[in-house]
Amino acid sequence: MKRLFSIIIVLAAVMTANAQEKYKTLKDITYISADDTSAYRRERCKLDINMPVGKKGFKTIVWFHGGGLEGGNKEFRPELMNSGIAQVAPNYRLFPRCKCPDYTRDAAAAVAWTIKHIAEYGGDPTQVYVGGHSAGGYLTLMLALDKRYLAEYGVDADSIKGYFPVSGQCATHYTIRKERKISFTLPIVDNMSPLNNARKLGTNLTIITGDRRLEQMARYEENLYLKSVLEGMGNKYIPVHELSGFDHGTVLAPAGLMIRDIIRNDK
């Protein structure tokens, strides 16, 4: 039933597109400096773009794939296809071929590339959003909360129009614990965790998770705690959307539709 529901809402998203609007996809654009000679970084640090044709000033979301920081590949979310919103889908380096925080630096480089180049394709660099699922949600949160990553590439984290982490880990990611040979279940909150980098935000953050009964261990609770910490620091209301009946994987389809609608209606 959940699978059928996911298929139906994705089809509905596509059917609502303007039939006259055309889209194109560009693949495997390198987003790091030509001076970077690291073979693995040059292999992984590429992105794809799906965007409207003949349209100016469109909004863009940079979407980071999941995979536990150990797997996965760049992807376009079907819920956002043909919606008037461009998607930038980067790959990033993966553990164990890279170490913490190389993947976060790659994510920052991909967002910075988008800010600096999307106008060349017709997009509005002031209307760039960042989102991702699971490991991609973790990367999204780290870029939003630890301003040093984007600052390394000359971008203010608060210049991003909005962040959409879906089922992101808010404590130190379990793959980082694995790298350090720390127990998967032992809660660690250090400078590699979104929680430890909570700050007063100058942009929007929308948190989405699956059902607390079905999500990965403590995933909903960590996100709820992050909300409480951020609001306790003086941030305005931080929404946490718990999507009832959806687990860690199936949450993606309804989350994608929610993100699509928020971006469309954002002024």
Protein backbone atom coordinates (compact mmCIF):
# COMPACT_ATOMS: atom_id res chain seq x y z
CA MET A 1 0.00 0.00 0.00
CA LYS A 2 2.79 2.43 0.90
CA ARG A 3 4.59 1.65 -2.35
CA LEU A 4 1.38 2.23 -4.32
CA PHE A 5 0.83 5.52 -2.50
CA SER A 6 4.38 6.63 -3.32
CA ILE A 7 3.88 5.81 -7.02
CA ILE A 8 0.56 7.68 -7.11
CA ILE A 9 1.93 10.87 -5.56
CA VAL A 10 4.98 10.85 -7.83
CA LEU A 11 2.73 10.47 -10.88
CA ALA A 12 0.52 13.26 -9.58
CA ALA A 13 3.58 15.49 -9.23
CA VAL A 14 4.57 14.87 -12.85
CA MET A 15 1.01 15.36 -14.15
CA THR A 16 0.77 18.79 -12.50
CA ALA A 17 3.69 20.06 -14.57
CA ASN A 18 3.06 22.60 -17.28
CA ALA A 19 2.87 20.49 -20.44
CA GLN A 20 4.47 23.28 -22.48
CA GLU A 21 7.52 23.58 -20.25
CA LYS A 22 10.62 21.69 -21.33
CA TYR A 23 13.54 20.45 -19.26
CA LYS A 24 17.06 19.31 -19.97
CA THR A 25 19.70 17.42 -18.04
CA LEU A 26 23.44 18.05 -17.98
CA LYS A 27 25.62 15.29 -16.54
CA ASP A 28 28.97 14.87 -14.81
CA ILE A 29 29.98 18.51 -14.35
CA THR A 30 33.10 18.79 -12.20
CA TYR A 31 32.52 21.13 -9.27
CA ILE A 32 36.02 21.29 -7.77
CA SER A 33 39.00 23.35 -8.85
CA ALA A 34 41.01 22.19 -11.85
CA ASP A 35 44.05 22.50 -9.59
CA ASP A 36 42.82 19.65 -7.37
CA THR A 37 44.75 16.60 -8.55
CA SER A 38 43.30 14.05 -6.11
CA ALA A 39 42.20 11.16 -8.34
CA TYR A 40 39.38 10.01 -6.07
CA ARG A 41 38.08 13.53 -5.55
CA ARG A 42 38.08 14.17 -9.30
CA GLU A 43 36.24 10.88 -9.79
CA ARG A 44 33.49 11.58 -7.27
CA CYS A 45 33.11 15.37 -7.25
CA LYS A 46 30.77 15.67 -10.21
CA LEU A 47 27.17 16.79 -10.39
CA ASP A 48 24.15 16.57 -12.69
CA ILE A 49 21.65 19.37 -13.36
CA ASN A 50 18.02 19.04 -14.38
CA MET A 51 16.51 22.43 -15.26
CA PRO A 52 13.78 24.22 -17.18
CA VAL A 53 14.62 25.29 -20.74
CA GLY A 54 14.01 28.88 -21.80
CA LYS A 55 13.11 30.05 -18.31
CA LYS A 56 14.98 32.72 -16.35
CA GLY A 57 15.28 33.19 -12.61
CA PHE A 58 14.19 29.67 -11.66
CA LYS A 59 14.67 28.27 -8.17
CA THR A 60 17.18 25.48 -7.58
CA ILE A 61 17.64 22.80 -4.95
CA VAL A 62 20.96 21.02 -4.38
CA TRP A 63 20.01 17.47 -3.35
CA PHE A 64 22.45 15.14 -1.53
CA HIS A 65 21.87 11.40 -1.79
CA GLY A 66 21.82 9.02 1.17
CA GLY A 67 23.88 5.91 1.77
CA GLY A 68 25.41 6.24 5.21
CA LEU A 69 28.40 8.27 3.89
CA GLU A 70 29.62 4.90 2.54
CA GLY A 71 27.51 4.39 -0.59
CA GLY A 72 24.95 5.89 -2.92
CA ASN A 73 25.05 8.06 -6.03
CA LYS A 74 23.68 11.36 -7.24
CA GLU A 75 19.97 11.35 -7.93
CA PHE A 76 17.13 13.61 -9.00
CA ARG A 77 14.05 13.39 -6.83
CA PRO A 78 11.09 12.41 -9.05
CA GLU A 79 8.72 14.51 -6.93
CA LEU A 80 10.61 17.63 -8.02
CA MET A 81 10.91 16.78 -11.71
CA ASN A 82 8.97 19.02 -14.12
CA SER A 83 7.97 21.29 -11.25
CA GLY A 84 9.64 24.50 -12.40
CA ILE A 85 12.44 23.89 -9.88
CA ALA A 86 15.93 22.95 -11.05
CA GLN A 87 17.77 20.13 -9.30
CA VAL A 88 21.52 19.88 -8.79
CA ALA A 89 22.55 16.35 -7.82
CA PRO A 90 26.17 15.98 -6.63
CA ASN A 91 28.24 12.96 -5.78
CA TYR A 92 30.70 13.27 -2.90
CA ARG A 93 33.54 11.18 -1.57
CA LEU A 94 32.69 8.17 0.59
CA PHE A 95 34.18 6.39 3.58
CA PRO A 96 36.51 4.46 3.79
CA ARG A 97 38.22 5.97 0.73
CA CYS A 98 37.93 9.32 2.44
CA LYS A 99 37.86 10.37 6.07
CA CYS A 100 35.71 12.73 8.08
CA PRO A 101 34.96 15.53 7.14
CA ASP A 102 35.99 15.20 3.47
CA TYR A 103 32.43 14.44 2.35
CA THR A 104 31.14 17.56 4.11
CA ARG A 105 33.76 19.70 2.39
CA ASP A 106 32.70 18.18 -0.94
CA ALA A 107 29.06 19.02 -0.18
CA ALA A 108 30.06 22.61 0.55
CA ALA A 109 32.01 22.80 -2.71
CA ALA A 110 28.97 21.56 -4.66
CA VAL A 111 26.68 24.16 -3.09
CA ALA A 112 29.23 26.91 -3.67
CA TRP A 113 29.58 25.86 -7.32
CA THR A 114 25.80 26.11 -7.68
CA ILE A 115 25.65 29.59 -6.14
CA LYS A 116 28.44 30.81 -8.40
CA HIS A 117 27.31 29.16 -11.67
CA ILE A 118 23.54 28.60 -11.71
CA ALA A 119 22.94 32.02 -13.29
CA GLU A 120 24.85 30.80 -16.35
CA TYR A 121 22.03 28.28 -16.88
CA GLY A 122 19.20 30.72 -16.15
CA GLY A 123 18.78 30.17 -12.42
CA ASP A 124 18.61 32.75 -9.65
CA PRO A 125 21.60 32.38 -7.27
CA THR A 126 19.57 34.05 -4.48
CA GLN A 127 16.96 31.26 -4.78
CA VAL A 128 19.11 28.21 -4.02
CA TYR A 129 17.96 25.59 -1.51
CA VAL A 130 19.80 22.61 -0.05
CA GLY A 131 18.34 19.26 0.94
CA GLY A 132 19.11 15.59 1.28
CA HIS A 133 18.03 12.30 2.77
CA SER A 134 19.70 10.31 5.57
CA ALA A 135 23.45 10.87 5.06
CA GLY A 136 22.41 13.68 2.71
CA GLY A 137 20.27 15.06 5.52
CA TYR A 138 23.28 15.00 7.82
CA LEU A 139 25.34 16.89 5.23
CA THR A 140 22.51 19.40 4.81
CA LEU A 141 22.41 20.03 8.55
CA MET A 142 26.18 20.40 8.83
CA LEU A 143 26.25 22.99 6.03
CA ALA A 144 23.37 24.89 7.61
CA LEU A 145 24.76 24.93 11.15
CA ASP A 146 28.56 24.94 10.84
CA LYS A 147 29.21 28.01 8.71
CA ARG A 148 32.89 27.16 8.26
CA TYR A 149 32.26 24.63 5.50
CA LEU A 150 30.58 26.99 3.05
CA ALA A 151 32.77 29.89 4.17
CA GLU A 152 35.80 27.92 2.94
CA TYR A 153 34.35 28.37 -0.56
CA GLY A 154 33.29 31.99 -0.11
CA VAL A 155 29.61 31.39 0.64
CA ASP A 156 27.62 32.51 3.69
CA ALA A 157 25.49 29.61 4.93
CA ASP A 158 22.70 32.09 5.64
CA SER A 159 22.59 33.14 1.98
CA ILE A 160 20.97 29.77 1.17
CA LYS A 161 17.21 30.30 0.84
CA GLY A 162 16.33 27.25 2.91
CA TYR A 163 17.52 23.84 4.11
CA PHE A 164 15.53 20.58 3.99
CA PRO A 165 17.19 17.70 5.88
CA VAL A 166 15.14 14.50 5.61
CA SER A 167 15.83 11.90 8.32
CA GLY A 168 19.28 13.35 8.98
CA GLN A 169 21.38 12.27 11.95
CA CYS A 170 21.81 15.10 14.47
CA ALA A 171 24.33 13.43 16.76
CA THR A 172 27.76 12.55 15.36
CA HIS A 173 27.10 10.34 12.33
CA TYR A 174 27.43 6.61 12.94
CA THR A 175 29.95 6.26 10.09
CA ILE A 176 32.18 8.79 11.84
CA ARG A 177 31.83 6.67 14.99
CA LYS A 178 32.73 3.63 12.89
CA GLU A 179 35.85 5.40 11.61
CA ARG A 180 36.82 6.10 15.22
CA LYS A 181 35.93 2.54 16.29
CA ILE A 182 33.19 3.80 18.62
CA SER A 183 30.00 1.83 19.24
CA PHE A 184 27.17 2.47 16.77
CA THR A 185 24.70 2.83 19.65
CA LEU A 186 26.84 5.09 21.85
CA PRO A 187 25.53 8.66 21.52
CA ILE A 188 28.30 11.13 20.69
CA VAL A 189 27.75 14.86 20.22
CA ASP A 190 30.98 16.59 19.21
CA ASN A 191 32.02 19.17 16.62
CA MET A 192 31.08 16.75 13.81
CA SER A 193 27.45 16.71 14.94
CA PRO A 194 24.71 19.14 13.91
CA LEU A 195 23.60 19.42 17.54
CA ASN A 196 27.01 20.67 18.67
CA ASN A 197 26.92 23.36 15.98
CA ALA A 198 23.48 24.78 16.77
CA ARG A 199 23.43 28.54 16.19
CA LYS A 200 21.17 31.51 15.54
CA LEU A 201 20.09 31.06 11.94
CA GLY A 202 19.64 33.76 9.33
CA THR A 203 17.73 31.46 6.97
CA ASN A 204 15.01 28.80 7.02
CA LEU A 205 15.32 25.23 8.23
CA THR A 206 12.56 22.66 7.69
CA ILE A 207 13.13 19.27 9.33
CA ILE A 208 11.38 16.14 8.03
CA THR A 209 11.49 12.60 9.42
CA GLY A 210 9.61 9.36 9.11
CA ASP A 211 7.31 7.95 11.77
CA ARG A 212 9.12 7.72 15.13
CA ARG A 213 7.93 4.09 15.44
CA LEU A 214 9.42 3.17 12.06
CA GLU A 215 12.46 5.41 11.67
CA GLN A 216 16.05 4.43 12.39
CA MET A 217 17.07 4.39 16.03
CA ALA A 218 16.41 7.75 17.74
CA ARG A 219 16.27 9.58 14.39
CA TYR A 220 13.03 11.43 15.10
CA GLU A 221 14.03 12.14 18.69
CA GLU A 222 17.41 13.60 17.65
CA ASN A 223 15.70 15.94 15.21
CA LEU A 224 13.12 16.96 17.79
CA TYR A 225 15.93 17.72 20.24
CA LEU A 226 17.70 19.83 17.61
CA LYS A 227 14.49 21.81 17.14
CA SER A 228 14.29 22.44 20.90
CA VAL A 229 17.93 23.54 21.12
CA LEU A 230 17.63 25.89 18.14
CA GLU A 231 14.44 27.48 19.44
CA GLY A 232 15.97 27.75 22.92
CA MET A 233 18.79 29.79 21.38
CA GLY A 234 16.28 32.31 20.07
CA ASN A 235 15.53 31.00 16.60
CA LYS A 236 12.01 31.40 15.30
CA TYR A 237 9.78 28.34 15.10
CA ILE A 238 11.62 25.38 13.54
CA PRO A 239 9.11 22.98 11.97
CA VAL A 240 9.63 19.24 12.42
CA HIS A 241 7.37 17.19 10.16
CA GLU A 242 6.97 13.59 11.33
CA LEU A 243 5.34 11.77 8.40
CA SER A 244 3.12 9.16 9.98
CA GLY A 245 3.22 5.65 8.55
CA PHE A 246 6.49 6.11 6.63
CA ASP A 247 9.81 4.54 7.55
CA HIS A 248 13.35 5.75 6.88
CA GLY A 249 13.19 4.90 3.18
CA THR A 250 9.54 5.41 2.24
CA VAL A 251 9.51 8.91 3.79
CA LEU A 252 11.31 10.21 0.70
CA ALA A 253 8.31 10.44 -1.65
CA PRO A 254 5.98 12.45 0.61
CA ALA A 255 8.93 14.51 1.83
CA GLY A 256 9.81 15.36 -1.76
CA LEU A 257 6.28 16.61 -2.44
CA MET A 258 6.34 18.68 0.75
CA ILE A 259 9.66 20.24 -0.23
CA ARG A 260 8.38 20.95 -3.74
CA ASP A 261 5.34 22.80 -2.40
CA ILE A 262 7.31 24.79 0.17
CA ILE A 263 9.81 25.95 -2.46
CA ARG A 264 7.07 26.82 -4.97
CA ASN A 265 5.25 28.95 -2.39
CA ASP A 266 8.34 30.56 -0.91
CA LYS A 267 8.58 34.27 -1.68
